[in-house]
Every structure is written in C-alpha cells, then in structure tokens.
Protein backbone atom coordinates (compact mmCIF):
# COMPACT_ATOMS: atom_id res chain seq x y z
CA MET A 1 -18.39 21.05 12.54
CA ALA A 2 -16.97 17.84 14.06
CA LYS A 3 -13.79 18.13 16.11
CA LYS A 4 -10.72 16.62 14.44
CA VAL A 5 -8.61 14.19 16.48
CA ARG A 6 -5.14 13.18 15.22
CA VAL A 7 -4.02 9.86 16.74
CA CYS A 8 -0.30 9.12 16.33
CA PHE A 9 0.75 5.57 17.19
CA HIS A 10 3.71 3.18 16.99
CA ASP A 11 3.50 1.91 13.42
CA ARG A 12 4.24 -1.67 12.29
CA CYS A 13 3.31 -2.77 15.82
CA PHE A 14 0.26 -4.73 17.00
CA ASP A 15 0.30 -2.97 20.38
CA GLY A 16 0.62 0.47 18.81
CA THR A 17 -2.23 -0.18 16.36
CA SER A 18 -4.39 -1.70 19.11
CA SER A 19 -3.68 1.27 21.39
CA ALA A 20 -4.92 3.62 18.67
CA ALA A 21 -8.07 1.51 18.31
CA VAL A 22 -8.79 1.51 22.04
CA PHE A 23 -8.19 5.27 22.25
CA THR A 24 -10.59 5.84 19.35
CA ARG A 25 -13.39 3.92 21.03
CA PHE A 26 -12.67 5.51 24.43
CA TYR A 27 -12.73 9.04 23.01
CA ARG A 28 -15.96 8.47 21.11
CA GLU A 29 -17.71 6.95 24.13
CA CYS A 30 -16.37 9.18 26.90
CA VAL A 31 -15.29 12.48 25.35
CA ASP A 32 -16.93 13.36 22.01
CA ALA A 33 -19.13 10.97 20.04
CA ARG A 34 -19.10 13.22 16.96
CA ALA A 35 -15.34 13.62 16.63
CA GLY A 36 -13.60 12.78 13.37
CA PHE A 37 -10.36 10.78 13.48
CA ALA A 38 -7.16 10.81 11.44
CA TYR A 39 -4.27 8.42 12.06
CA THR A 40 -0.50 8.71 11.70
CA GLY A 41 1.89 5.80 12.14
CA LEU A 42 5.20 6.76 13.75
CA THR A 43 8.52 4.91 13.44
CA HIS A 44 11.79 5.33 15.28
CA LYS A 45 14.44 7.25 13.35
CA PRO A 46 18.23 7.06 13.57
CA ALA A 47 18.66 10.73 14.48
CA GLY A 48 16.89 14.05 14.75
CA SER A 49 13.31 14.79 15.63
CA LEU A 50 10.75 11.99 15.63
CA PHE A 51 7.92 14.41 14.89
CA ASP A 52 7.55 16.52 11.76
CA ASP A 53 6.39 20.11 12.04
CA GLY A 54 2.98 19.26 10.64
CA THR A 55 2.35 16.13 12.74
CA PHE A 56 0.05 17.79 15.25
CA ASP A 57 -2.51 19.41 12.95
CA ALA A 58 -5.79 18.82 14.81
CA GLU A 59 -7.77 20.26 17.71
CA GLU A 60 -6.85 17.16 19.72
CA ASN A 61 -3.43 15.57 19.09
CA VAL A 62 -2.69 12.17 20.61
CA ILE A 63 0.35 9.89 20.91
CA VAL A 64 -0.05 6.28 22.03
CA ASP A 65 2.71 3.66 22.47
CA PHE A 66 5.43 6.07 21.34
CA LYS A 67 7.88 8.57 22.74
CA TYR A 68 6.79 11.77 24.45
CA SER A 69 6.67 15.15 22.72
CA PRO A 70 6.79 18.44 24.67
CA SER A 71 4.83 20.17 21.91
CA PRO A 72 2.11 22.45 23.32
CA LYS A 73 -0.17 20.99 20.64
CA LEU A 74 -0.04 17.50 22.19
CA THR A 75 -3.19 16.97 24.28
CA TRP A 76 -3.13 13.21 25.12
CA TRP A 77 -0.23 10.78 25.65
CA PHE A 78 -0.03 7.13 26.79
CA ASP A 79 3.17 5.06 26.85
CA HIS A 80 4.82 2.15 28.67
CA HIS A 81 8.40 2.01 27.32
CA GLN A 82 11.38 2.48 29.60
CA SER A 83 12.88 4.74 26.91
CA ALA A 84 9.83 6.99 26.64
CA PHE A 85 11.67 10.31 26.69
CA LEU A 86 14.21 11.58 24.17
CA THR A 87 15.85 13.90 26.69
CA PRO A 88 15.81 14.57 30.46
CA GLU A 89 14.11 17.86 29.61
CA ASP A 90 11.23 15.96 27.98
CA ALA A 91 10.86 13.82 31.11
CA GLU A 92 10.78 16.93 33.28
CA HIS A 93 8.22 18.54 30.95
CA PHE A 94 5.98 15.49 31.40
CA ARG A 95 6.35 15.57 35.20
CA ARG A 96 5.24 19.22 35.24
CA ASP A 97 2.15 18.52 33.11
CA THR A 98 -1.14 19.33 34.84
CA SER A 99 -3.57 18.46 32.05
CA GLY A 100 -4.54 15.10 33.54
CA ARG A 101 -4.40 13.63 30.02
CA LYS A 102 -0.83 12.36 29.79
CA PHE A 103 0.02 9.00 31.33
CA TYR A 104 3.10 6.82 31.68
CA ASP A 105 3.79 3.49 33.38
CA PRO A 106 6.70 1.26 32.24
CA HIS A 107 5.46 -1.63 34.38
CA TYR A 108 2.70 -2.52 31.90
CA LYS A 109 3.53 -5.14 29.28
CA SER A 110 1.36 -3.42 26.66
CA CYS A 111 0.28 0.16 26.09
CA THR A 112 -3.14 -1.17 25.04
CA LYS A 113 -3.88 -2.61 28.48
CA PHE A 114 -2.40 0.45 30.20
CA LEU A 115 -4.58 2.80 28.16
CA ALA A 116 -7.73 0.74 28.74
CA THR A 117 -7.04 0.58 32.48
CA VAL A 118 -6.42 4.33 32.83
CA ALA A 119 -9.42 5.21 30.67
CA GLY A 120 -11.62 2.98 32.83
CA GLU A 121 -10.35 4.23 36.18
CA LYS A 122 -10.20 7.95 35.37
CA PHE A 123 -12.87 8.48 32.72
CA GLY A 124 -15.40 5.65 33.20
CA PHE A 125 -14.59 3.86 29.93
CA ARG A 126 -16.10 0.38 29.65
CA ALA A 127 -13.53 -1.68 27.76
CA GLU A 128 -15.36 -5.04 27.85
CA PRO A 129 -16.25 -5.04 24.12
CA LEU A 130 -12.53 -4.81 23.34
CA ALA A 131 -11.42 -7.38 25.94
CA GLU A 132 -10.13 -9.83 23.31
CA LEU A 133 -8.04 -7.15 21.57
CA ILE A 134 -6.61 -5.94 24.90
CA ARG A 135 -5.74 -9.47 26.03
CA TRP A 136 -3.94 -10.29 22.78
CA ALA A 137 -2.04 -6.99 22.73
CA ASP A 138 -0.73 -7.93 26.19
CA VAL A 139 0.21 -11.44 25.00
CA ILE A 140 1.93 -10.25 21.82
CA ASP A 141 3.74 -7.16 23.12
CA GLY A 142 4.58 -8.83 26.43
CA ALA A 143 5.80 -12.04 24.73
CA GLN A 144 3.42 -14.09 26.86
CA TYR A 145 2.79 -16.92 24.38
CA GLU A 146 2.60 -20.38 25.91
CA SER A 147 5.41 -21.67 23.66
CA PRO A 148 7.71 -20.63 20.79
CA GLU A 149 5.53 -22.74 18.47
CA ALA A 150 2.46 -20.67 19.40
CA ALA A 151 4.40 -17.49 18.58
CA VAL A 152 5.52 -18.57 15.10
CA LYS A 153 2.67 -20.77 13.79
CA MET A 154 0.12 -17.91 13.54
CA ASN A 155 -2.99 -20.07 13.59
CA VAL A 156 -5.29 -17.63 15.44
CA PRO A 157 -6.76 -14.32 14.19
CA ALA A 158 -4.68 -12.10 16.51
CA THR A 159 -1.33 -13.47 15.36
CA GLN A 160 -2.44 -13.36 11.72
CA ILE A 161 -3.39 -9.69 12.07
CA ALA A 162 -0.10 -9.03 13.90
CA LEU A 163 1.86 -10.46 10.96
CA VAL A 164 0.00 -8.20 8.53
CA ILE A 165 0.62 -5.15 10.73
CA GLU A 166 4.31 -5.84 11.30
CA ALA A 167 5.39 -7.11 7.87
CA SER A 168 3.21 -5.41 5.24
CA LYS A 169 4.90 -2.92 2.92
CA ASP A 170 1.64 -0.97 2.56
CA ASP A 171 2.22 2.31 4.44
CA LEU A 172 -1.53 2.93 4.77
CA LEU A 173 -2.52 -0.53 6.01
CA THR A 174 -2.25 0.11 9.75
CA THR A 175 -4.25 3.33 9.52
CA LYS A 176 -6.98 1.36 7.72
CA LEU A 177 -6.94 -1.30 10.44
CA VAL A 178 -7.32 1.02 13.44
CA PRO A 179 -11.07 1.79 13.01
CA GLU A 180 -11.74 -1.87 12.13
CA LEU A 181 -10.08 -3.07 15.34
CA ALA A 182 -12.02 -0.47 17.32
CA ALA A 183 -15.34 -1.78 16.04
CA LYS A 184 -15.08 -5.51 15.21
CA PRO A 185 -14.00 -8.82 16.81
CA LEU A 186 -10.56 -10.06 15.79
CA ALA A 187 -11.95 -13.00 13.80
CA GLU A 188 -14.00 -10.56 11.71
CA VAL A 189 -11.01 -8.29 11.13
CA ALA A 190 -8.86 -11.27 10.07
CA ARG A 191 -11.48 -12.13 7.42
CA LEU A 192 -11.47 -8.68 5.80
CA PRO A 193 -10.45 -9.13 2.14
CA PHE A 194 -7.47 -6.78 2.32
CA VAL A 195 -6.20 -8.55 5.47
CA VAL A 196 -6.59 -12.02 3.93
CA GLU A 197 -4.82 -10.92 0.75
CA HIS A 198 -1.83 -9.55 2.67
CA PHE A 199 -1.68 -12.48 5.10
CA ARG A 200 -1.40 -15.16 2.41
CA GLU A 201 1.64 -13.55 0.82
CA LEU A 202 3.22 -12.53 4.15
CA TYR A 203 2.86 -16.02 5.63
CA ARG A 204 4.73 -17.45 2.65
CA ARG A 205 7.46 -14.90 3.32
CA HIS A 206 7.34 -15.79 7.03
CA GLU A 207 8.02 -19.45 6.25
CA ASN A 208 10.85 -18.40 3.94
CA SER A 209 12.32 -16.14 6.63
CA MET A 210 12.48 -19.09 9.03
CA GLU A 211 14.61 -20.97 6.53
CA ILE A 212 16.85 -17.94 5.93
CA LEU A 213 17.34 -17.41 9.67
CA ARG A 214 18.03 -21.10 10.17
CA GLY A 215 21.08 -20.66 7.95
CA LYS A 216 22.16 -17.30 9.37
CA VAL A 217 21.97 -17.75 13.12
CA GLU A 218 25.20 -18.12 15.10
CA ALA A 219 24.47 -19.62 18.52
CA GLU A 220 27.19 -19.27 21.13
CA ARG A 221 27.20 -19.09 24.95
CA GLY A 222 23.46 -18.56 25.24
CA VAL A 223 23.22 -15.78 22.63
CA VAL A 224 22.10 -16.08 19.00
CA TYR A 225 23.40 -13.51 16.52
CA PHE A 226 22.28 -13.03 12.92
CA ASP A 227 22.69 -10.53 10.11
CA VAL A 228 19.96 -10.56 7.44
CA THR A 229 20.80 -7.21 5.84
CA ASP A 230 21.22 -9.01 2.51
CA HIS A 231 17.55 -10.10 2.59
CA PRO A 232 14.30 -8.04 2.72
CA LEU A 233 13.39 -9.31 6.20
CA GLU A 234 12.74 -6.23 8.32
CA GLY A 235 9.36 -7.60 9.41
CA TYR A 236 10.60 -11.07 10.45
CA ASN A 237 8.95 -12.72 13.46
CA LYS A 238 11.10 -11.85 16.50
CA PHE A 239 10.40 -15.23 18.14
CA ILE A 240 11.98 -17.32 15.35
CA PRO A 241 15.44 -17.31 17.02
CA TYR A 242 13.96 -18.89 20.17
CA TYR A 243 11.98 -21.39 18.10
CA LEU A 244 15.19 -22.44 16.33
CA HIS A 245 17.39 -22.33 19.47
CA PRO A 246 15.12 -22.83 22.53
CA ASP A 247 18.11 -23.05 24.91
CA CYS A 248 19.38 -19.53 24.18
CA PHE A 249 18.88 -16.60 26.58
CA TYR A 250 19.25 -13.67 24.16
CA SER A 251 19.09 -12.78 20.46
CA VAL A 252 20.81 -9.95 18.59
CA GLY A 253 19.93 -9.37 14.94
CA ILE A 254 20.47 -6.79 12.20
CA SER A 255 17.92 -6.16 9.44
CA ARG A 256 17.51 -3.60 6.71
CA SER A 257 14.69 -1.53 5.24
CA PRO A 258 14.91 1.26 2.64
CA GLN A 259 14.76 3.84 5.44
CA ARG A 260 17.05 2.40 8.10
CA LEU A 261 19.11 -0.40 9.59
CA LYS A 262 17.75 -1.94 12.77
CA VAL A 263 19.58 -3.81 15.50
CA ALA A 264 17.01 -5.78 17.52
CA VAL A 265 17.96 -7.18 20.92
CA GLY A 266 15.66 -9.54 22.80
CA SER A 267 15.50 -12.06 25.62
CA ASN A 268 13.96 -15.53 25.41
CA PRO A 269 10.49 -15.41 27.05
CA TRP A 270 10.66 -19.15 27.74
CA ARG A 271 14.18 -19.19 29.19
CA GLN A 272 14.67 -15.98 31.09
CA PRO A 273 18.20 -15.13 32.23
CA THR A 274 18.72 -14.72 35.97
CA GLY A 275 21.43 -13.42 38.30
CA GLU A 276 24.48 -11.98 36.58
CA ARG A 277 23.13 -13.08 33.20
CA GLU A 278 20.10 -10.78 33.49
CA LYS A 279 20.71 -7.52 31.61
CA ASN A 280 18.53 -4.46 31.00
CA LEU A 281 18.40 -4.43 27.20
CA ALA A 282 16.86 -0.95 26.98
CA SER A 283 19.76 0.49 28.97
CA ILE A 284 22.27 -1.28 26.71
CA CYS A 285 20.59 0.02 23.54
CA GLU A 286 20.31 3.54 24.95
CA ARG A 287 24.12 3.72 24.86
CA TYR A 288 23.86 3.48 21.05
CA GLY A 289 20.94 5.90 20.69
CA GLY A 290 18.18 3.28 20.90
CA GLY A 291 15.93 1.99 23.67
CA GLY A 292 12.79 0.04 24.46
CA HIS A 293 12.02 -2.31 27.34
CA ALA A 294 14.23 -4.14 29.81
CA ARG A 295 13.72 -7.44 27.95
CA VAL A 296 13.37 -6.26 24.35
CA ALA A 297 14.92 -3.21 22.75
CA ALA A 298 16.31 -1.89 19.47
CA ILE A 299 18.55 0.68 17.79
CA SER A 300 17.97 2.44 14.46
CA PHE A 301 20.84 3.47 12.18
CA GLU A 302 20.91 5.38 8.92
CA ALA A 303 20.56 3.15 5.85
CA GLY A 304 24.22 3.73 4.90
CA GLU A 305 25.68 2.94 8.33
CA LEU A 306 25.98 -0.82 7.90
CA GLU A 307 29.43 -1.17 9.44
CA ARG A 308 28.46 0.95 12.43
CA ALA A 309 25.32 -1.13 12.95
CA ARG A 310 27.27 -4.39 12.66
CA ARG A 311 29.87 -3.17 15.13
CA ALA A 312 27.18 -2.23 17.65
CA ALA A 313 25.42 -5.58 17.23
CA ARG A 314 28.65 -7.54 17.70
CA GLU A 315 29.57 -5.50 20.77
CA ILE A 316 26.16 -6.14 22.33
CA ALA A 317 26.27 -9.86 21.52
CA ASP A 318 29.75 -10.09 23.06
CA GLU A 319 28.57 -8.23 26.17
CA LEU A 320 25.60 -10.57 26.61
CA ARG A 321 27.80 -13.62 26.13
CA ARG A 322 30.12 -12.44 28.88
C-alpha cells in the first residue's frame, strides 16, 4: 500500500502553494516515487492553536512556508519567516531536532527557493524542471518586480495564477493547483479551464479594488493607510498602494473576511526606507500577536474585533509616520 504524505502549506499564497508543489516533486523523485499525497491549506488565526488535532493524519506529515509545530507527528518542515515560532519553547524544540528533515532560514525571500536549494544540496534533488516556478515564487514573495505596474497589471502566467491563488473564494482551489504546478509549466497551468474561469472574474474584481482603494487611501508623511472592511477585498493586490502612491515608504491596511480581520503592514519595494525610517515590520506586528518578515507582516483579529484592529492599525501607521 502506498505511503500517505500530508503536505500542509500557507494557503492563499503563491509561495506557499509553490512550496507544496516543489516538495511534492522532490519527495517523489528523491524519497518515495509511489507515495500518495494529500494537501491542507493553513491560514493564520487570531488566537489559539494553528493546527487542529487531526491535521497530521499521515505516515509523513509536512509543513512548508508556515509556522513550526512541535508535534511528534511532524516529519518535515521548511520555513523562511522571521516569525516562524509561536513560542520560545517551539524554537527550542526545533533547535533540538536531530531528524535532519526540518529546515529554517529567514534570509531567503521565498520558501520555494529555500526548499529547492536545501533539497538539492542535501538530498540530490534536481530542480531544473521547476526553475520557472521557483524564480517567480522568489519574485512574487520577495516583491522583486521591476515596477509597481508589473506587480498590478498581471499580464504574465505567474501573476495570473497568483491572483487566482490569493483571491479565489474556492477553499479547494489551491489544493487542486499544487499537483498541477508540480508537473506543468506556468503557461500551461494558467490555461487550465478552472484557472481561466476564476481569473476572468477575479481580474474584474482586481480592477474594481484599485478604484475602491484609490478613494480610501490616506497618504501622509510617507505612509498610506486604508480601511476596506466595508468591502469584500481580503484578497486585494498588496502592491496597489505603491502603484497609487509611488512616493510612500509604508502601507497599513485593514481588510475583512468571514473568518477574521487582517491588518497588513508593508514597505514599498521601489522606495525602501533607510536610516531611522527603516523599521522591522515583523517585530512591530509581533507586539499585537502577528508577525511575518522584516519588510512585510500582518496581524489577524477575530471577526468581531473591528475597533481593536482599527486601533492597532492606526497606532502602527502613527509609529511609522514618526
């Protein structure tokens, strides 16, 4: 009977989905060609455990591009976020691990590239067939677009797929995409009927979200602030604020979904703050129970905590403006 592998990954995220795809191909080529795969998308929650009791239900349980779990059932882990550990005890648990199958490096811009590099160096994985996917995961998650226009126009397969991953309301869509990304070029994946169908509608919403944000953004002292909790815009393109206000250094925005409120904090990839203006956004968000990277981070609040979320967002915007 084929071994079951459960791959848990950062959901609604191009890098998380791509990491799951690269792990799938690596495992099949270097560990067990006959293994069967099941996928679970993970999202950050306002409080409590990030992992349900039944999450790790396979012989091999994997987390990519998401926080660490000390569960004895977890057999593989790859992550690159500064805020990778929920507690100091989790960090110490990772440091004591001797399995040789759990890896962490916050210096990588994408988990996809980190995973591919480690798999190549330690297990002999040949990642060349996935080179395009790895390169684009690094561009998208590392905000390495050549211009704000390139980030919001979405005229190449990778950015079209990213929009579908990040903005679709279909909870099963990313798990359907993982095996496709592991096996096919991006242009082929972008032409899949279910991807095309989602993209057409989502791009119309993307254009509408630009107009909504244009009317919501408050730009002051190098920081743009916006509150779109009265619109269904949780999956808005995070580069729109810099497209609308290219001179800003930071953006702070609040959005809503049925499950949570999200405060997103980012820095302008094309106008990076320096000196006293340069702040570690993950460290700021950690004070409110969130986290992420030094240049892009977020906080999740319960769906009913609108005033608390707004207060946190205003405080952060004020701090960045100072």
